C-alpha atoms as a PDB file:
ATOM      1  CA  MET A   1     134.668 113.592 157.998  1.00  0.00           C
ATOM      2  CA  PRO A   2     132.349 115.374 155.571  1.00  0.00           C
ATOM      3  CA  ALA A   3     130.646 113.479 152.788  1.00  0.00           C
ATOM      4  CA  LEU A   4     132.817 113.248 149.688  1.00  0.00           C
ATOM      5  CA  ILE A   5     130.248 115.179 147.624  1.00  0.00           C
ATOM      6  CA  GLU A   6     127.861 117.749 149.099  1.00  0.00           C
ATOM      7  CA  VAL A   7     125.288 119.617 147.019  1.00  0.00           C
ATOM      8  CA  GLU A   8     123.275 122.382 148.683  1.00  0.00           C
ATOM      9  CA  GLY A   9     120.444 124.470 147.249  1.00  0.00           C
ATOM     10  CA  LEU A  10     121.539 123.951 143.641  1.00  0.00           C
ATOM     11  CA  GLN A  11     119.667 125.722 140.867  1.00  0.00           C
ATOM     12  CA  CYS A  12     120.394 124.613 137.300  1.00  0.00           C
ATOM     13  CA  ARG A  13     119.116 126.634 134.381  1.00  0.00           C
ATOM     14  CA  TYR A  14     119.490 127.322 130.671  1.00  0.00           C
ATOM     15  CA  GLY A  15     118.972 131.052 130.264  1.00  0.00           C
ATOM     16  CA  ASP A  16     115.595 131.841 131.808  1.00  0.00           C
ATOM     17  CA  ARG A  17     114.487 128.200 131.899  1.00  0.00           C
ATOM     18  CA  VAL A  18     114.993 126.618 135.319  1.00  0.00           C
ATOM     19  CA  VAL A  19     115.590 122.871 135.030  1.00  0.00           C
ATOM     20  CA  LEU A  20     116.365 122.055 138.663  1.00  0.00           C
ATOM     21  CA  GLU A  21     115.575 124.099 141.762  1.00  0.00           C
ATOM     22  CA  ASP A  22     116.886 123.789 145.325  1.00  0.00           C
ATOM     23  CA  VAL A  23     118.561 120.396 144.838  1.00  0.00           C
ATOM     24  CA  SER A  24     120.447 119.102 147.884  1.00  0.00           C
ATOM     25  CA  PHE A  25     122.062 115.710 148.525  1.00  0.00           C
ATOM     26  CA  SER A  26     125.335 114.127 149.574  1.00  0.00           C
ATOM     27  CA  VAL A  27     127.421 111.169 148.419  1.00  0.00           C
ATOM     28  CA  GLU A  28     129.573 109.179 150.828  1.00  0.00           C
ATOM     29  CA  ARG A  29     133.013 107.822 150.073  1.00  0.00           C
ATOM     30  CA  SER A  30     133.003 104.564 148.061  1.00  0.00           C
ATOM     31  CA  GLU A  31     129.248 104.812 147.586  1.00  0.00           C
ATOM     32  CA  LEU A  32     127.522 103.593 144.435  1.00  0.00           C
ATOM     33  CA  PHE A  33     125.124 106.517 144.077  1.00  0.00           C
ATOM     34  CA  PHE A  34     122.509 106.805 141.314  1.00  0.00           C
ATOM     35  CA  VAL A  35     120.778 109.891 139.923  1.00  0.00           C
ATOM     36  CA  ILE A  36     117.573 108.501 138.443  1.00  0.00           C
ATOM     37  CA  GLY A  37     114.394 109.679 136.753  1.00  0.00           C
ATOM     38  CA  GLY A  38     112.587 109.775 133.438  1.00  0.00           C
ATOM     39  CA  ASN A  39     113.594 111.609 130.293  1.00  0.00           C
ATOM     40  CA  GLY A  40     113.856 115.385 130.599  1.00  0.00           C
ATOM     41  CA  CYS A  41     114.042 115.511 134.394  1.00  0.00           C
ATOM     42  CA  GLY A  42     117.522 117.070 134.500  1.00  0.00           C
ATOM     43  CA  LYS A  43     119.765 114.078 135.234  1.00  0.00           C
ATOM     44  CA  THR A  44     122.428 114.914 132.659  1.00  0.00           C
ATOM     45  CA  THR A  45     122.157 118.624 133.462  1.00  0.00           C
ATOM     46  CA  LEU A  46     122.944 117.828 137.095  1.00  0.00           C
ATOM     47  CA  LEU A  47     125.892 115.676 136.016  1.00  0.00           C
ATOM     48  CA  ARG A  48     127.255 118.523 133.899  1.00  0.00           C
ATOM     49  CA  HIS A  49     127.225 120.757 136.976  1.00  0.00           C
ATOM     50  CA  LEU A  50     128.931 118.098 139.106  1.00  0.00           C
ATOM     51  CA  VAL A  51     131.853 117.727 136.679  1.00  0.00           C
ATOM     52  CA  GLY A  52     132.240 121.451 136.017  1.00  0.00           C
ATOM     53  CA  LEU A  53     130.851 121.684 132.480  1.00  0.00           C
ATOM     54  CA  MET A  54     128.161 124.093 133.729  1.00  0.00           C
ATOM     55  CA  ARG A  55     128.121 126.598 136.584  1.00  0.00           C
ATOM     56  CA  PRO A  56     125.252 126.697 139.073  1.00  0.00           C
ATOM     57  CA  ALA A  57     122.886 129.645 138.884  1.00  0.00           C
ATOM     58  CA  ARG A  58     122.609 129.301 142.654  1.00  0.00           C
ATOM     59  CA  GLY A  59     123.810 126.925 145.355  1.00  0.00           C
ATOM     60  CA  ILE A  60     127.096 125.202 146.057  1.00  0.00           C
ATOM     61  CA  ILE A  61     128.896 121.933 145.311  1.00  0.00           C
ATOM     62  CA  ARG A  62     131.638 120.731 147.663  1.00  0.00           C
ATOM     63  CA  TYR A  63     134.144 117.907 147.274  1.00  0.00           C
ATOM     64  CA  GLY A  64     135.718 116.764 150.522  1.00  0.00           C
ATOM     65  CA  GLY A  65     134.286 119.855 152.193  1.00  0.00           C
ATOM     66  CA  ARG A  66     135.912 122.233 149.658  1.00  0.00           C
ATOM     67  CA  PRO A  67     133.811 124.432 147.336  1.00  0.00           C
ATOM     68  CA  PHE A  68     134.221 123.456 143.697  1.00  0.00           C
ATOM     69  CA  HIS A  69     132.901 126.179 141.397  1.00  0.00           C
ATOM     70  CA  CYS A  70     134.492 129.131 143.214  1.00  0.00           C
ATOM     71  CA  ALA A  71     137.956 127.502 143.262  1.00  0.00           C
ATOM     72  CA  ASP A  72     140.846 129.216 141.491  1.00  0.00           C
ATOM     73  CA  GLN A  73     142.367 127.677 138.372  1.00  0.00           C
ATOM     74  CA  ALA A  74     144.974 125.581 140.181  1.00  0.00           C
ATOM     75  CA  GLN A  75     142.468 124.275 142.717  1.00  0.00           C
ATOM     76  CA  ARG A  76     139.963 123.531 139.964  1.00  0.00           C
ATOM     77  CA  LEU A  77     142.534 121.495 138.032  1.00  0.00           C
ATOM     78  CA  ALA A  78     143.296 119.531 141.186  1.00  0.00           C
ATOM     79  CA  PHE A  79     139.588 118.761 141.540  1.00  0.00           C
ATOM     80  CA  LEU A  80     139.248 117.701 137.905  1.00  0.00           C
ATOM     81  CA  ASN A  81     142.217 115.343 138.174  1.00  0.00           C
ATOM     82  CA  GLU A  82     140.213 113.443 140.798  1.00  0.00           C
ATOM     83  CA  PHE A  83     137.303 112.926 138.366  1.00  0.00           C
ATOM     84  CA  GLY A  84     136.822 110.279 135.699  1.00  0.00           C
ATOM     85  CA  VAL A  85     133.835 110.561 133.351  1.00  0.00           C
ATOM     86  CA  LEU A  86     132.202 107.903 131.189  1.00  0.00           C
ATOM     87  CA  PHE A  87     130.035 109.766 128.694  1.00  0.00           C
ATOM     88  CA  GLN A  88     126.880 108.186 127.296  1.00  0.00           C
ATOM     89  CA  GLY A  89     128.350 107.358 123.878  1.00  0.00           C
ATOM     90  CA  GLY A  90     131.830 106.601 125.201  1.00  0.00           C
ATOM     91  CA  ALA A  91     133.301 109.666 123.415  1.00  0.00           C
ATOM     92  CA  LEU A  92     136.373 107.780 122.231  1.00  0.00           C
ATOM     93  CA  TRP A  93     138.447 109.472 119.524  1.00  0.00           C
ATOM     94  CA  SER A  94     137.594 107.490 116.398  1.00  0.00           C
ATOM     95  CA  SER A  95     140.963 108.071 114.683  1.00  0.00           C
ATOM     96  CA  MET A  96     142.966 106.814 117.675  1.00  0.00           C
ATOM     97  CA  THR A  97     143.464 103.248 118.839  1.00  0.00           C
ATOM     98  CA  VAL A  98     142.042 102.112 122.155  1.00  0.00           C
ATOM     99  CA  SER A  99     145.497 102.342 123.734  1.00  0.00           C
ATOM    100  CA  GLU A 100     146.022 105.853 122.378  1.00  0.00           C
ATOM    101  CA  ASN A 101     142.654 106.927 123.789  1.00  0.00           C
ATOM    102  CA  ILE A 102     143.543 105.611 127.237  1.00  0.00           C
ATOM    103  CA  ALA A 103     147.024 107.101 127.119  1.00  0.00           C
ATOM    104  CA  LEU A 104     145.762 110.586 126.274  1.00  0.00           C
ATOM    105  CA  PRO A 105     144.959 111.735 129.857  1.00  0.00           C
ATOM    106  CA  LEU A 106     148.257 110.211 131.013  1.00  0.00           C
ATOM    107  CA  GLU A 107     150.162 112.251 128.430  1.00  0.00           C
ATOM    108  CA  GLU A 108     148.319 115.415 129.452  1.00  0.00           C
ATOM    109  CA  HIS A 109     148.376 115.102 133.230  1.00  0.00           C
ATOM    110  CA  ALA A 110     151.018 112.583 134.363  1.00  0.00           C
ATOM    111  CA  ALA A 111     154.812 112.832 134.117  1.00  0.00           C
ATOM    112  CA  LEU A 112     155.464 109.276 132.891  1.00  0.00           C
ATOM    113  CA  THR A 113     157.876 107.725 130.461  1.00  0.00           C
ATOM    114  CA  ALA A 114     156.469 106.117 127.311  1.00  0.00           C
ATOM    115  CA  GLY A 115     157.177 102.692 128.794  1.00  0.00           C
ATOM    116  CA  ASP A 116     155.369 103.485 132.028  1.00  0.00           C
ATOM    117  CA  ARG A 117     152.385 104.819 130.072  1.00  0.00           C
ATOM    118  CA  ALA A 118     152.245 101.660 127.993  1.00  0.00           C
ATOM    119  CA  ARG A 119     152.327  99.465 131.102  1.00  0.00           C
ATOM    120  CA  LEU A 120     149.599 101.516 132.771  1.00  0.00           C
ATOM    121  CA  VAL A 121     147.422 101.361 129.641  1.00  0.00           C
ATOM    122  CA  SER A 122     147.800  97.568 129.607  1.00  0.00           C
ATOM    123  CA  LEU A 123     146.836  97.441 133.281  1.00  0.00           C
ATOM    124  CA  LYS A 124     143.695  99.522 132.681  1.00  0.00           C
ATOM    125  CA  LEU A 125     142.689  97.354 129.734  1.00  0.00           C
ATOM    126  CA  ALA A 126     143.082  94.251 131.902  1.00  0.00           C
ATOM    127  CA  GLN A 127     141.001  95.829 134.667  1.00  0.00           C
ATOM    128  CA  VAL A 128     138.057  96.310 132.301  1.00  0.00           C
ATOM    129  CA  GLY A 129     138.409  92.892 130.671  1.00  0.00           C
ATOM    130  CA  LEU A 130     139.935  94.040 127.363  1.00  0.00           C
ATOM    131  CA  PRO A 131     143.477  92.623 127.351  1.00  0.00           C
ATOM    132  CA  GLY A 132     144.924  92.646 123.850  1.00  0.00           C
ATOM    133  CA  ALA A 133     142.387  95.144 122.476  1.00  0.00           C
ATOM    134  CA  GLY A 134     144.713  98.137 122.614  1.00  0.00           C
ATOM    135  CA  GLU A 135     145.566  98.248 118.905  1.00  0.00           C
ATOM    136  CA  LEU A 136     141.929  98.191 117.772  1.00  0.00           C
ATOM    137  CA  LEU A 137     140.053 101.292 116.677  1.00  0.00           C
ATOM    138  CA  PRO A 138     136.763 102.184 118.411  1.00  0.00           C
ATOM    139  CA  ALA A 139     134.829 101.243 115.243  1.00  0.00           C
ATOM    140  CA  GLN A 140     136.163  97.689 115.573  1.00  0.00           C
ATOM    141  CA  LEU A 141     134.647  97.252 119.031  1.00  0.00           C
ATOM    142  CA  SER A 142     131.179  96.093 120.013  1.00  0.00           C
ATOM    143  CA  GLY A 143     128.993  98.484 122.019  1.00  0.00           C
ATOM    144  CA  GLY A 144     129.880  96.820 125.302  1.00  0.00           C
ATOM    145  CA  MET A 145     133.585  96.837 124.475  1.00  0.00           C
ATOM    146  CA  ARG A 146     133.458 100.547 123.611  1.00  0.00           C
ATOM    147  CA  LYS A 147     131.890 101.290 126.995  1.00  0.00           C
ATOM    148  CA  ARG A 148     134.605  99.296 128.756  1.00  0.00           C
ATOM    149  CA  ALA A 149     137.352 100.993 126.733  1.00  0.00           C
ATOM    150  CA  ALA A 150     135.886 104.387 127.636  1.00  0.00           C
ATOM    151  CA  LEU A 151     135.783 103.279 131.272  1.00  0.00           C
ATOM    152  CA  ALA A 152     139.464 102.330 131.082  1.00  0.00           C
ATOM    153  CA  ARG A 153     140.231 105.853 129.844  1.00  0.00           C
ATOM    154  CA  ALA A 154     138.121 107.372 132.640  1.00  0.00           C
ATOM    155  CA  MET A 155     140.154 105.307 135.129  1.00  0.00           C
ATOM    156  CA  ALA A 156     143.539 106.195 133.642  1.00  0.00           C
ATOM    157  CA  LEU A 157     144.491 108.658 136.392  1.00  0.00           C
ATOM    158  CA  ASP A 158     142.997 106.511 139.209  1.00  0.00           C
ATOM    159  CA  PRO A 159     140.318 109.103 140.058  1.00  0.00           C
ATOM    160  CA  ALA A 160     138.613 109.202 143.429  1.00  0.00           C
ATOM    161  CA  ILE A 161     135.219 109.633 141.738  1.00  0.00           C
ATOM    162  CA  LEU A 162     133.840 108.097 138.551  1.00  0.00           C
ATOM    163  CA  PHE A 163     130.838 109.741 136.895  1.00  0.00           C
ATOM    164  CA  PHE A 164     128.682 107.785 134.435  1.00  0.00           C
ATOM    165  CA  ASP A 165     126.048 109.160 132.050  1.00  0.00           C
ATOM    166  CA  GLU A 166     123.574 106.379 131.160  1.00  0.00           C
ATOM    167  CA  PRO A 167     126.219 103.603 131.031  1.00  0.00           C
ATOM    168  CA  SER A 168     123.717 100.953 129.872  1.00  0.00           C
ATOM    169  CA  SER A 169     122.416 103.072 126.980  1.00  0.00           C
ATOM    170  CA  GLY A 170     122.593 101.135 123.708  1.00  0.00           C
ATOM    171  CA  LEU A 171     123.684  97.883 125.341  1.00  0.00           C
ATOM    172  CA  ASP A 172     121.960  94.506 125.185  1.00  0.00           C
ATOM    173  CA  PRO A 173     120.959  92.844 128.489  1.00  0.00           C
ATOM    174  CA  VAL A 174     124.057  90.633 128.637  1.00  0.00           C
ATOM    175  CA  SER A 175     126.453  93.543 128.053  1.00  0.00           C
ATOM    176  CA  THR A 176     124.549  95.605 130.620  1.00  0.00           C
ATOM    177  CA  ARG A 177     124.941  92.902 133.264  1.00  0.00           C
ATOM    178  CA  GLN A 178     128.650  92.579 132.456  1.00  0.00           C
ATOM    179  CA  LEU A 179     129.160  96.335 132.766  1.00  0.00           C
ATOM    180  CA  ASN A 180     127.237  96.412 136.059  1.00  0.00           C
ATOM    181  CA  ALA A 181     129.427  93.623 137.432  1.00  0.00           C
ATOM    182  CA  LEU A 182     132.537  95.515 136.328  1.00  0.00           C
ATOM    183  CA  ILE A 183     131.356  98.713 138.042  1.00  0.00           C
ATOM    184  CA  VAL A 184     130.767  96.820 141.286  1.00  0.00           C
ATOM    185  CA  ARG A 185     134.155  95.095 141.059  1.00  0.00           C
ATOM    186  CA  ILE A 186     135.983  98.391 140.533  1.00  0.00           C
ATOM    187  CA  ARG A 187     134.280  99.873 143.577  1.00  0.00           C
ATOM    188  CA  GLN A 188     135.144  96.810 145.669  1.00  0.00           C
ATOM    189  CA  THR A 189     138.798  96.610 144.618  1.00  0.00           C
ATOM    190  CA  MET A 190     139.651 100.310 144.366  1.00  0.00           C
ATOM    191  CA  GLY A 191     137.175 101.983 146.723  1.00  0.00           C
ATOM    192  CA  THR A 192     136.144 104.399 143.981  1.00  0.00           C
ATOM    193  CA  THR A 193     133.066 106.537 144.552  1.00  0.00           C
ATOM    194  CA  MET A 194     130.558 106.141 141.695  1.00  0.00           C
ATOM    195  CA  VAL A 195     127.911 108.653 140.613  1.00  0.00           C
ATOM    196  CA  ILE A 196     125.719 107.113 137.922  1.00  0.00           C
ATOM    197  CA  VAL A 197     122.981 108.826 135.914  1.00  0.00           C
ATOM    198  CA  SER A 198     120.467 106.221 134.761  1.00  0.00           C
ATOM    199  CA  HIS A 199     116.837 105.382 134.054  1.00  0.00           C
ATOM    200  CA  HIS A 200     117.559 101.659 133.615  1.00  0.00           C
ATOM    201  CA  ILE A 201     115.422 100.081 136.340  1.00  0.00           C
ATOM    202  CA  GLU A 202     117.196  96.697 136.480  1.00  0.00           C
ATOM    203  CA  SER A 203     120.624  98.301 136.936  1.00  0.00           C
ATOM    204  CA  ILE A 204     119.317 100.708 139.557  1.00  0.00           C
ATOM    205  CA  LEU A 205     117.795  97.914 141.626  1.00  0.00           C
ATOM    206  CA  GLU A 206     120.746  95.578 141.123  1.00  0.00           C
ATOM    207  CA  ILE A 207     123.782  97.667 142.072  1.00  0.00           C
ATOM    208  CA  ALA A 208     122.821 101.047 143.580  1.00  0.00           C
ATOM    209  CA  ASP A 209     123.568 101.680 147.249  1.00  0.00           C
ATOM    210  CA  ARG A 210     121.378 104.781 147.242  1.00  0.00           C
ATOM    211  CA  ALA A 211     119.653 107.069 144.755  1.00  0.00           C
ATOM    212  CA  ILE A 212     117.886 110.374 144.288  1.00  0.00           C
ATOM    213  CA  LEU A 213     114.858 110.446 141.997  1.00  0.00           C
ATOM    214  CA  LEU A 214     114.403 113.624 139.939  1.00  0.00           C
ATOM    215  CA  ASP A 215     111.067 114.732 138.531  1.00  0.00           C
ATOM    216  CA  ALA A 216     110.643 117.107 135.589  1.00  0.00           C
ATOM    217  CA  GLN A 217     107.447 118.740 136.852  1.00  0.00           C
ATOM    218  CA  ALA A 218     108.778 119.181 140.377  1.00  0.00           C
ATOM    219  CA  ARG A 219     112.119 120.391 138.977  1.00  0.00           C
ATOM    220  CA  GLY A 220     113.973 118.629 141.729  1.00  0.00           C
ATOM    221  CA  VAL A 221     114.366 115.623 144.017  1.00  0.00           C
ATOM    222  CA  ILE A 222     111.121 113.851 144.947  1.00  0.00           C
ATOM    223  CA  ALA A 223     112.661 110.803 146.676  1.00  0.00           C
ATOM    224  CA  GLU A 224     115.968 109.648 148.138  1.00  0.00           C
ATOM    225  CA  GLY A 225     117.061 106.316 149.578  1.00  0.00           C
ATOM    226  CA  LYS A 226     117.711 102.691 148.728  1.00  0.00           C
ATOM    227  CA  PRO A 227     116.047 102.044 145.360  1.00  0.00           C
ATOM    228  CA  ARG A 228     114.372  98.768 146.278  1.00  0.00           C
ATOM    229  CA  ALA A 229     112.858 100.368 149.370  1.00  0.00           C
ATOM    230  CA  LEU A 230     111.673 103.334 147.292  1.00  0.00           C
ATOM    231  CA  ALA A 231     110.128 100.985 144.721  1.00  0.00           C
ATOM    232  CA  GLN A 232     108.272  98.880 147.263  1.00  0.00           C
ATOM    233  CA  GLU A 233     107.492 101.253 150.125  1.00  0.00           C
ATOM    234  CA  SER A 234     106.947 104.749 148.723  1.00  0.00           C
ATOM    235  CA  GLY A 235     103.408 106.089 148.824  1.00  0.00           C
ATOM    236  CA  ASP A 236     104.191 108.696 146.161  1.00  0.00           C
ATOM    237  CA  PRO A 237     102.543 107.683 142.858  1.00  0.00           C
ATOM    238  CA  ARG A 238     105.319 109.426 140.925  1.00  0.00           C
ATOM    239  CA  VAL A 239     107.918 107.194 142.582  1.00  0.00           C
ATOM    240  CA  ARG A 240     105.891 104.031 142.089  1.00  0.00           C
ATOM    241  CA  GLY A 241     105.180 105.046 138.500  1.00  0.00           C
ATOM    242  CA  PHE A 242     108.877 105.376 137.746  1.00  0.00           C
ATOM    243  CA  PHE A 243     109.721 101.941 139.108  1.00  0.00           C
ATOM    244  CA  GLY A 244     106.676 100.349 137.464  1.00  0.00           C
ATOM    245  CA  ALA A 245     106.394  96.600 137.965  1.00  0.00           C
ATOM    246  CA  ALA A 246     109.287  96.651 140.452  1.00  0.00           C
ATOM    247  CA  ALA A 247     106.976  98.533 142.838  1.00  0.00           C
ATOM    248  CA  LEU A 248     104.438  95.709 142.903  1.00  0.00           C
END
């Protein structure tokens, strides 16, 4: 079987400015795959291409062996229904309760009764460790709770792939460890493939199966593999510089 995600020769650009050039990698089913690198290297730009918010200037992205960006509208919708996205700030609707936020994709994309939606929302809240928080507004949640509520919404349709943009951003160390443990547990229990954009070294070393390291000057991938092996065995000073003390 082909890898779940295949990226070949991808060029990402804003107008005349090329951010990433000739990027190629693959992600296996149920893999916890990290896209890592310093600020300004193109991590979030790559994520935007993977979830269809931007079109490649060149190259191809395949899911399950099927091209993504050249799909027709019906095929594209089918692809998108297999994606869940946790944005960096959570992106919860501030005027809606947690339950209403989670129910929104179910109302848009699933033919369920109100009772079935309510039961599924409760299940998702329990899965992320927020039972009983459904009637709260996002402003009433701590940073870690907002991330978990946003994750529950991303999981509402039981996607095959979850995409994360800097999930530990703005979290204290305890909340970061709790979120990491939750990500691992979801992968173990549901077999979900995870693609995580991050520059948080501890999280990368703790939970990633494999990673690609982007570099702003190179405008592409400068290393790929198991993060701990990259940190300790790479002879590239750019790789060792990114991992810092973990490379010693």
